[in-house]
Amino acid sequence: MKYWITRTLRVAAFALATGIAFMGAGNVFGISAVQSAAFGAVGAVLGLLATLLFTYAGKASVPDADFDKAINQAIESVASDAKDKKKS
């Protein structure tokens, strides 16, 4: 049960960090920083959840190694996107 709490906190931290990373991206599209943060966080978390659900569908569980790999790939993707948005 404890690992569910840890995983939930990790996904929540990912969502918050993603929102912070995309706060300024909304200026390009004419939306507020809060809207931009929410949009970026929701999109990134949905992508992560889809990856985790596919893993569960294929293995009937999500082992720690697969969870770590999925969240680390999502973090790298957000970091890359955030860098690209700052250059624009």
N, C-alpha and C. Protein backbone atom coordinates (compact mmCIF):
# COMPACT_ATOMS: atom_id res chain seq x y z
N MET A 1 0.82 -1.20 0.00
CA MET A 1 0.00 0.00 0.00
C MET A 1 0.86 1.26 0.00
N LYS A 2 1.98 1.22 0.71
CA LYS A 2 2.84 2.40 0.79
C LYS A 2 3.35 2.83 -0.58
N TYR A 3 3.65 1.87 -1.45
CA TYR A 3 4.18 2.26 -2.75
C TYR A 3 3.15 3.02 -3.57
N TRP A 4 1.84 2.81 -3.34
CA TRP A 4 0.83 3.58 -4.05
C TRP A 4 0.87 5.04 -3.63
N ILE A 5 1.10 5.27 -2.36
CA ILE A 5 1.22 6.65 -1.87
C ILE A 5 2.44 7.31 -2.50
N THR A 6 3.56 6.61 -2.51
CA THR A 6 4.79 7.14 -3.11
C THR A 6 4.59 7.42 -4.59
N ARG A 7 3.98 6.49 -5.30
CA ARG A 7 3.75 6.69 -6.73
C ARG A 7 2.81 7.86 -6.97
N THR A 8 1.78 7.97 -6.18
CA THR A 8 0.83 9.08 -6.32
C THR A 8 1.54 10.41 -6.08
N LEU A 9 2.36 10.47 -5.05
CA LEU A 9 3.11 11.70 -4.77
C LEU A 9 4.08 12.03 -5.91
N ARG A 10 4.70 11.02 -6.50
CA ARG A 10 5.62 11.24 -7.61
C ARG A 10 4.88 11.79 -8.83
N VAL A 11 3.69 11.25 -9.12
CA VAL A 11 2.91 11.75 -10.25
C VAL A 11 2.43 13.17 -9.96
N ALA A 12 2.03 13.44 -8.72
CA ALA A 12 1.61 14.80 -8.35
C ALA A 12 2.78 15.79 -8.48
N ALA A 13 3.96 15.38 -8.05
CA ALA A 13 5.14 16.25 -8.20
C ALA A 13 5.45 16.49 -9.67
N PHE A 14 5.30 15.45 -10.48
CA PHE A 14 5.51 15.58 -11.93
C PHE A 14 4.51 16.59 -12.51
N ALA A 15 3.24 16.49 -12.11
CA ALA A 15 2.22 17.40 -12.60
C ALA A 15 2.53 18.85 -12.21
N LEU A 16 2.91 19.05 -10.97
CA LEU A 16 3.23 20.40 -10.50
C LEU A 16 4.45 20.96 -11.22
N ALA A 17 5.48 20.16 -11.35
CA ALA A 17 6.69 20.62 -12.05
C ALA A 17 6.40 20.92 -13.52
N THR A 18 5.57 20.10 -14.14
CA THR A 18 5.21 20.35 -15.54
C THR A 18 4.44 21.65 -15.66
N GLY A 19 3.52 21.87 -14.76
CA GLY A 19 2.77 23.13 -14.78
C GLY A 19 3.68 24.33 -14.64
N ILE A 20 4.63 24.24 -13.74
CA ILE A 20 5.59 25.34 -13.55
C ILE A 20 6.43 25.54 -14.81
N ALA A 21 6.85 24.44 -15.42
CA ALA A 21 7.69 24.54 -16.62
C ALA A 21 6.97 25.20 -17.78
N PHE A 22 5.65 25.05 -17.85
CA PHE A 22 4.90 25.59 -18.98
C PHE A 22 4.14 26.87 -18.67
N MET A 23 4.38 27.48 -17.53
CA MET A 23 3.65 28.70 -17.17
C MET A 23 3.83 29.81 -18.19
N GLY A 24 5.02 29.97 -18.69
CA GLY A 24 5.28 31.05 -19.64
C GLY A 24 4.94 30.73 -21.07
N ALA A 25 4.68 29.47 -21.38
CA ALA A 25 4.41 29.08 -22.76
C ALA A 25 3.11 29.66 -23.28
N GLY A 26 2.19 29.98 -22.40
CA GLY A 26 0.90 30.50 -22.83
C GLY A 26 0.98 31.85 -23.50
N ASN A 27 2.03 32.61 -23.24
CA ASN A 27 2.18 33.92 -23.87
C ASN A 27 2.17 33.81 -25.39
N VAL A 28 2.73 32.72 -25.90
CA VAL A 28 2.79 32.51 -27.34
C VAL A 28 1.39 32.36 -27.91
N PHE A 29 0.49 31.70 -27.15
CA PHE A 29 -0.86 31.42 -27.63
C PHE A 29 -1.90 32.39 -27.08
N GLY A 30 -1.47 33.36 -26.30
CA GLY A 30 -2.38 34.36 -25.77
C GLY A 30 -3.24 33.88 -24.62
N ILE A 31 -2.78 32.90 -23.86
CA ILE A 31 -3.53 32.46 -22.69
C ILE A 31 -2.74 32.80 -21.43
N SER A 32 -3.42 32.79 -20.31
CA SER A 32 -2.76 33.17 -19.06
C SER A 32 -1.75 32.11 -18.63
N ALA A 33 -0.89 32.51 -17.71
CA ALA A 33 0.12 31.58 -17.18
C ALA A 33 -0.54 30.41 -16.46
N VAL A 34 -1.61 30.66 -15.75
CA VAL A 34 -2.30 29.59 -15.02
C VAL A 34 -2.94 28.61 -16.00
N GLN A 35 -3.58 29.12 -17.04
CA GLN A 35 -4.17 28.24 -18.06
C GLN A 35 -3.09 27.43 -18.76
N SER A 36 -2.00 28.06 -19.06
CA SER A 36 -0.90 27.37 -19.71
C SER A 36 -0.33 26.28 -18.82
N ALA A 37 -0.17 26.58 -17.53
CA ALA A 37 0.34 25.59 -16.58
C ALA A 37 -0.61 24.41 -16.48
N ALA A 38 -1.89 24.68 -16.39
CA ALA A 38 -2.88 23.61 -16.27
C ALA A 38 -2.91 22.76 -17.54
N PHE A 39 -2.89 23.40 -18.68
CA PHE A 39 -2.91 22.68 -19.95
C PHE A 39 -1.68 21.78 -20.09
N GLY A 40 -0.51 22.31 -19.79
CA GLY A 40 0.72 21.53 -19.89
C GLY A 40 0.74 20.37 -18.92
N ALA A 41 0.30 20.61 -17.68
CA ALA A 41 0.30 19.56 -16.67
C ALA A 41 -0.69 18.45 -17.01
N VAL A 42 -1.88 18.81 -17.44
CA VAL A 42 -2.89 17.80 -17.77
C VAL A 42 -2.42 16.95 -18.95
N GLY A 43 -1.90 17.58 -19.98
CA GLY A 43 -1.42 16.82 -21.14
C GLY A 43 -0.29 15.87 -20.79
N ALA A 44 0.65 16.35 -20.01
CA ALA A 44 1.80 15.51 -19.64
C ALA A 44 1.38 14.36 -18.74
N VAL A 45 0.51 14.62 -17.78
CA VAL A 45 0.05 13.56 -16.87
C VAL A 45 -0.78 12.52 -17.64
N LEU A 46 -1.61 12.96 -18.56
CA LEU A 46 -2.38 12.01 -19.36
C LEU A 46 -1.46 11.11 -20.17
N GLY A 47 -0.41 11.67 -20.73
CA GLY A 47 0.56 10.86 -21.46
C GLY A 47 1.23 9.83 -20.56
N LEU A 48 1.62 10.26 -19.36
CA LEU A 48 2.24 9.35 -18.40
C LEU A 48 1.26 8.25 -18.00
N LEU A 49 0.03 8.63 -17.70
CA LEU A 49 -0.96 7.64 -17.30
C LEU A 49 -1.24 6.64 -18.41
N ALA A 50 -1.27 7.11 -19.65
CA ALA A 50 -1.47 6.19 -20.78
C ALA A 50 -0.33 5.18 -20.85
N THR A 51 0.89 5.63 -20.67
CA THR A 51 2.04 4.72 -20.67
C THR A 51 1.92 3.69 -19.55
N LEU A 52 1.55 4.14 -18.37
CA LEU A 52 1.40 3.22 -17.24
C LEU A 52 0.26 2.23 -17.46
N LEU A 53 -0.83 2.69 -18.06
CA LEU A 53 -1.95 1.79 -18.35
C LEU A 53 -1.59 0.75 -19.40
N PHE A 54 -0.83 1.14 -20.41
CA PHE A 54 -0.36 0.17 -21.40
C PHE A 54 0.54 -0.87 -20.75
N THR A 55 1.40 -0.42 -19.85
CA THR A 55 2.27 -1.35 -19.14
C THR A 55 1.43 -2.33 -18.31
N TYR A 56 0.44 -1.81 -17.62
CA TYR A 56 -0.43 -2.67 -16.82
C TYR A 56 -1.19 -3.66 -17.71
N ALA A 57 -1.67 -3.19 -18.84
CA ALA A 57 -2.40 -4.07 -19.76
C ALA A 57 -1.51 -5.19 -20.27
N GLY A 58 -0.26 -4.91 -20.49
CA GLY A 58 0.66 -5.91 -21.01
C GLY A 58 1.22 -6.86 -19.97
N LYS A 59 1.33 -6.41 -18.72
CA LYS A 59 1.99 -7.21 -17.69
C LYS A 59 1.11 -7.55 -16.50
N ALA A 60 -0.08 -6.99 -16.42
CA ALA A 60 -0.99 -7.15 -15.29
C ALA A 60 -0.43 -6.54 -14.00
N SER A 61 0.57 -5.72 -14.15
CA SER A 61 1.14 -4.96 -13.03
C SER A 61 2.07 -3.90 -13.61
N VAL A 62 2.50 -3.01 -12.77
CA VAL A 62 3.49 -2.01 -13.19
C VAL A 62 4.65 -2.12 -12.21
N PRO A 63 5.64 -2.93 -12.56
CA PRO A 63 6.81 -3.08 -11.68
C PRO A 63 7.52 -1.74 -11.47
N ASP A 64 8.23 -1.65 -10.36
CA ASP A 64 8.93 -0.40 -10.04
C ASP A 64 9.84 0.07 -11.17
N ALA A 65 10.56 -0.86 -11.78
CA ALA A 65 11.48 -0.48 -12.87
C ALA A 65 10.72 0.14 -14.04
N ASP A 66 9.56 -0.40 -14.36
CA ASP A 66 8.76 0.15 -15.46
C ASP A 66 8.17 1.51 -15.08
N PHE A 67 7.74 1.65 -13.83
CA PHE A 67 7.22 2.94 -13.37
C PHE A 67 8.32 4.00 -13.44
N ASP A 68 9.50 3.65 -12.94
CA ASP A 68 10.62 4.59 -12.97
C ASP A 68 10.97 4.98 -14.40
N LYS A 69 10.99 4.00 -15.30
CA LYS A 69 11.32 4.28 -16.70
C LYS A 69 10.27 5.21 -17.32
N ALA A 70 8.99 4.93 -17.07
CA ALA A 70 7.92 5.75 -17.65
C ALA A 70 7.98 7.19 -17.15
N ILE A 71 8.14 7.37 -15.85
CA ILE A 71 8.14 8.73 -15.32
C ILE A 71 9.40 9.48 -15.73
N ASN A 72 10.53 8.80 -15.80
CA ASN A 72 11.76 9.46 -16.23
C ASN A 72 11.70 9.87 -17.70
N GLN A 73 11.08 9.04 -18.54
CA GLN A 73 10.90 9.42 -19.95
C GLN A 73 9.96 10.62 -20.06
N ALA A 74 8.91 10.63 -19.24
CA ALA A 74 7.98 11.77 -19.25
C ALA A 74 8.69 13.05 -18.81
N ILE A 75 9.53 12.94 -17.81
CA ILE A 75 10.29 14.10 -17.32
C ILE A 75 11.21 14.63 -18.42
N GLU A 76 11.92 13.72 -19.08
CA GLU A 76 12.80 14.13 -20.18
C GLU A 76 12.03 14.80 -21.30
N SER A 77 10.86 14.28 -21.61
CA SER A 77 10.03 14.85 -22.67
C SER A 77 9.58 16.26 -22.31
N VAL A 78 9.13 16.45 -21.08
CA VAL A 78 8.69 17.78 -20.64
C VAL A 78 9.87 18.75 -20.63
N ALA A 79 11.01 18.30 -20.15
CA ALA A 79 12.19 19.18 -20.11
C ALA A 79 12.58 19.61 -21.52
N SER A 80 12.52 18.69 -22.45
CA SER A 80 12.85 19.00 -23.84
C SER A 80 11.84 19.98 -24.43
N ASP A 81 10.55 19.74 -24.18
CA ASP A 81 9.51 20.64 -24.68
C ASP A 81 9.63 22.02 -24.07
N ALA A 82 9.94 22.08 -22.79
CA ALA A 82 10.07 23.38 -22.10
C ALA A 82 11.23 24.18 -22.69
N LYS A 83 12.33 23.50 -22.98
CA LYS A 83 13.47 24.18 -23.60
C LYS A 83 13.10 24.72 -24.97
N ASP A 84 12.38 23.93 -25.75
CA ASP A 84 11.95 24.37 -27.08
C ASP A 84 11.02 25.56 -26.99
N LYS A 85 10.12 25.58 -26.01
CA LYS A 85 9.18 26.69 -25.85
C LYS A 85 9.91 27.97 -25.44
N LYS A 86 10.96 27.83 -24.62
CA LYS A 86 11.71 29.02 -24.18
C LYS A 86 12.48 29.64 -25.34
N LYS A 87 12.90 28.82 -26.30
CA LYS A 87 13.65 29.32 -27.45
C LYS A 87 12.76 30.09 -28.41
N SER A 88 11.45 29.77 -28.41
CA SER A 88 10.52 30.42 -29.35
C SER A 88 10.26 31.84 -28.99
